[in-house]
């Protein structure tokens, strides 16, 4: 008997768009998307201009490279849950401030609980440091990290493999890091 494919997780953007816990809130949200559950999860930093316009994560040039890189290892984008630390585009594409990340982390924790990934690929230093604050991307790039999964509850005994990677935007500017 063939396994039924998992239903896609489609968060109600209105739930996130009503958030006013930081200065980024109140605009157009870019929720995560992908199958539920998913073996693999990608966590970026924040939406860019194209993501903000389209309302989907990783759809700009970085997203195109990400999709190609996934294909190069035999994965389809539709098989991976993709999200960001913050759900709104910071002004002028600046990195999100720590208080913005903390304000939005409830959404990411909910996603981790619903997606139940075995592997999380943290795209860029900002995402990597959310999982492991002492991360040094130059040293830790591509090295799997076994970490306790962050959770909304106090029960933190689930292990998670986090792989810190350079962000596709970095690889677009520096092709040798693809």
Protein backbone atom coordinates (compact mmCIF):
# COMPACT_ATOMS: atom_id res chain seq x y z
CA UNK A 1 0.00 0.00 0.00
CA UNK A 2 1.52 3.35 -1.08
CA UNK A 3 2.03 6.00 1.57
CA UNK A 4 -0.15 9.06 1.21
CA UNK A 5 1.97 12.19 0.66
CA UNK A 6 1.95 14.62 3.58
CA UNK A 7 -0.45 17.53 3.41
CA UNK A 8 1.22 20.89 2.80
CA UNK A 9 1.41 23.22 5.76
CA UNK A 10 -0.29 26.45 4.82
CA UNK A 11 -0.22 28.90 7.69
CA UNK A 12 -2.86 31.57 7.79
CA UNK A 13 -0.86 34.74 7.04
CA UNK A 14 -3.47 36.74 8.96
CA UNK A 15 -2.30 35.05 12.17
CA UNK A 16 1.21 36.36 11.69
CA UNK A 17 0.19 39.68 10.07
CA UNK A 18 -1.60 40.72 13.25
CA UNK A 19 1.63 40.40 15.24
CA UNK A 20 2.85 43.73 16.59
CA UNK A 21 5.61 42.51 18.92
CA UNK A 22 8.32 44.34 16.94
CA UNK A 23 8.62 47.16 14.41
CA UNK A 24 8.50 44.70 11.51
CA UNK A 25 4.98 43.50 12.35
CA UNK A 26 1.76 44.62 10.79
CA UNK A 27 2.81 44.39 7.16
CA UNK A 28 2.65 41.52 4.70
CA UNK A 29 3.87 38.35 6.34
CA UNK A 30 5.95 35.68 4.63
CA UNK A 31 5.07 32.44 6.44
CA UNK A 32 6.97 29.21 5.98
CA UNK A 33 5.73 26.62 3.53
CA UNK A 34 6.20 23.00 2.71
CA UNK A 35 5.06 19.52 3.65
CA UNK A 36 3.96 18.57 7.14
CA UNK A 37 5.81 16.70 8.52
CA UNK A 38 9.04 17.09 6.58
CA UNK A 39 12.35 15.31 7.02
CA UNK A 40 14.26 18.44 5.98
CA UNK A 41 13.72 22.06 6.97
CA UNK A 42 15.53 25.15 5.72
CA UNK A 43 15.66 28.24 7.93
CA UNK A 44 16.81 31.53 6.44
CA UNK A 45 17.22 34.92 8.02
CA UNK A 46 14.38 37.11 6.72
CA UNK A 47 12.35 37.69 3.56
CA UNK A 48 13.86 39.83 0.83
CA UNK A 49 12.07 42.16 -1.58
CA UNK A 50 10.78 39.45 -3.93
CA UNK A 51 9.67 37.27 -1.01
CA UNK A 52 7.86 40.24 0.53
CA UNK A 53 6.13 40.99 -2.77
CA UNK A 54 5.15 37.36 -3.46
CA UNK A 55 4.48 36.30 0.15
CA UNK A 56 6.62 33.13 -0.14
CA UNK A 57 10.07 32.29 1.29
CA UNK A 58 13.15 31.98 -0.93
CA UNK A 59 11.64 32.95 -4.29
CA UNK A 60 14.15 35.59 -5.41
CA UNK A 61 17.58 34.92 -6.89
CA UNK A 62 18.65 33.20 -3.66
CA UNK A 63 15.60 30.98 -3.91
CA UNK A 64 16.40 30.05 -7.49
CA UNK A 65 19.91 29.03 -6.45
CA UNK A 66 18.52 27.16 -3.44
CA UNK A 67 16.11 25.22 -5.68
CA UNK A 68 18.98 24.33 -8.03
CA UNK A 69 21.19 23.25 -5.13
CA UNK A 70 18.42 21.08 -3.71
CA UNK A 71 18.01 19.48 -7.13
CA UNK A 72 21.74 18.77 -7.27
CA UNK A 73 21.38 16.52 -4.21
CA UNK A 74 18.19 14.84 -5.42
CA UNK A 75 15.63 16.88 -3.47
CA UNK A 76 12.66 18.74 -4.85
CA UNK A 77 11.77 22.05 -3.27
CA UNK A 78 8.26 20.68 -2.58
CA UNK A 79 9.79 18.00 -0.32
CA UNK A 80 11.43 20.52 2.02
CA UNK A 81 9.83 22.89 4.53
CA UNK A 82 11.25 26.40 3.99
CA UNK A 83 10.94 29.32 6.39
CA UNK A 84 12.81 32.27 7.94
CA UNK A 85 13.67 33.42 11.46
CA UNK A 86 11.51 36.51 11.01
CA UNK A 87 8.38 36.61 8.91
CA UNK A 88 8.68 40.21 7.66
CA UNK A 89 11.22 41.97 5.47
CA UNK A 90 13.46 44.26 7.52
CA UNK A 91 13.89 47.79 6.10
CA UNK A 92 16.56 48.07 3.39
CA UNK A 93 17.16 44.28 3.63
CA UNK A 94 19.19 44.76 6.80
CA UNK A 95 19.70 41.72 9.03
CA UNK A 96 16.96 41.40 11.64
CA UNK A 97 17.75 42.78 15.08
CA UNK A 98 17.88 40.33 17.99
CA UNK A 99 14.67 41.75 19.53
CA UNK A 100 12.89 41.16 16.17
CA UNK A 101 14.16 37.58 16.08
CA UNK A 102 13.03 37.02 19.68
CA UNK A 103 9.60 38.51 18.90
CA UNK A 104 9.18 36.16 15.92
CA UNK A 105 10.74 33.02 17.41
CA UNK A 106 7.37 31.76 18.69
CA UNK A 107 6.36 31.21 15.06
CA UNK A 108 9.58 29.32 14.31
CA UNK A 109 9.17 27.18 17.43
CA UNK A 110 5.63 26.32 16.33
CA UNK A 111 6.95 25.40 12.88
CA UNK A 112 9.64 23.15 14.37
CA UNK A 113 7.00 21.40 16.46
CA UNK A 114 4.65 20.90 13.51
CA UNK A 115 7.25 20.01 10.88
CA UNK A 116 9.26 17.68 13.16
CA UNK A 117 12.35 17.76 10.93
CA UNK A 118 15.26 15.38 11.28
CA UNK A 119 17.60 17.87 9.63
CA UNK A 120 17.52 21.66 9.71
CA UNK A 121 19.74 23.59 7.32
CA UNK A 122 20.41 27.01 8.82
CA UNK A 123 21.13 29.39 5.94
CA UNK A 124 23.62 32.03 6.99
CA UNK A 125 25.22 33.04 10.28
CA UNK A 126 22.13 34.75 11.69
CA UNK A 127 19.99 31.61 11.34
CA UNK A 128 22.84 29.38 12.52
CA UNK A 129 23.40 31.46 15.64
CA UNK A 130 19.73 31.16 16.58
CA UNK A 131 20.29 27.42 16.95
CA UNK A 132 23.82 27.68 18.38
CA UNK A 133 24.81 31.15 19.63
CA UNK A 134 28.57 30.41 19.59
CA UNK A 135 28.49 29.31 15.94
CA UNK A 136 31.33 30.49 13.70
CA UNK A 137 30.11 30.00 10.15
CA UNK A 138 33.60 30.00 8.59
CA UNK A 139 34.55 27.14 10.93
CA UNK A 140 31.21 25.31 11.22
CA UNK A 141 29.91 25.59 7.62
CA UNK A 142 28.55 22.24 6.47
CA UNK A 143 29.29 20.43 9.74
CA UNK A 144 26.24 18.73 11.27
CA UNK A 145 25.52 19.86 14.82
CA UNK A 146 23.51 17.58 17.16
CA UNK A 147 21.47 19.94 19.33
CA UNK A 148 18.50 19.81 21.64
CA UNK A 149 15.51 21.00 19.63
CA UNK A 150 14.18 24.34 20.82
CA UNK A 151 10.57 24.01 21.92
CA UNK A 152 7.58 26.01 23.15
CA UNK A 153 7.30 23.56 26.01
CA UNK A 154 9.80 22.72 28.73
CA UNK A 155 10.29 19.20 27.31
CA UNK A 156 13.57 19.70 25.42
CA UNK A 157 14.73 16.12 25.04
CA UNK A 158 14.39 15.83 21.26
CA UNK A 159 17.68 15.90 19.38
CA UNK A 160 17.93 17.74 16.09
CA UNK A 161 20.66 17.82 13.45
CA UNK A 162 21.38 21.39 12.37
CA UNK A 163 23.69 22.01 9.43
CA UNK A 164 24.92 25.60 9.18
CA UNK A 165 25.48 26.68 5.58
CA UNK A 166 26.39 29.86 3.78
CA UNK A 167 23.27 31.68 2.63
CA UNK A 168 22.57 31.39 -1.12
CA UNK A 169 22.82 35.21 -1.38
CA UNK A 170 26.43 34.91 -0.18
CA UNK A 171 27.09 32.24 -2.79
CA UNK A 172 25.62 34.50 -5.51
CA UNK A 173 28.16 37.17 -4.58
CA UNK A 174 30.98 34.64 -4.05
CA UNK A 175 30.47 31.73 -6.49
CA UNK A 176 33.30 29.68 -4.99
CA UNK A 177 31.04 29.12 -1.93
CA UNK A 178 28.33 27.31 -3.89
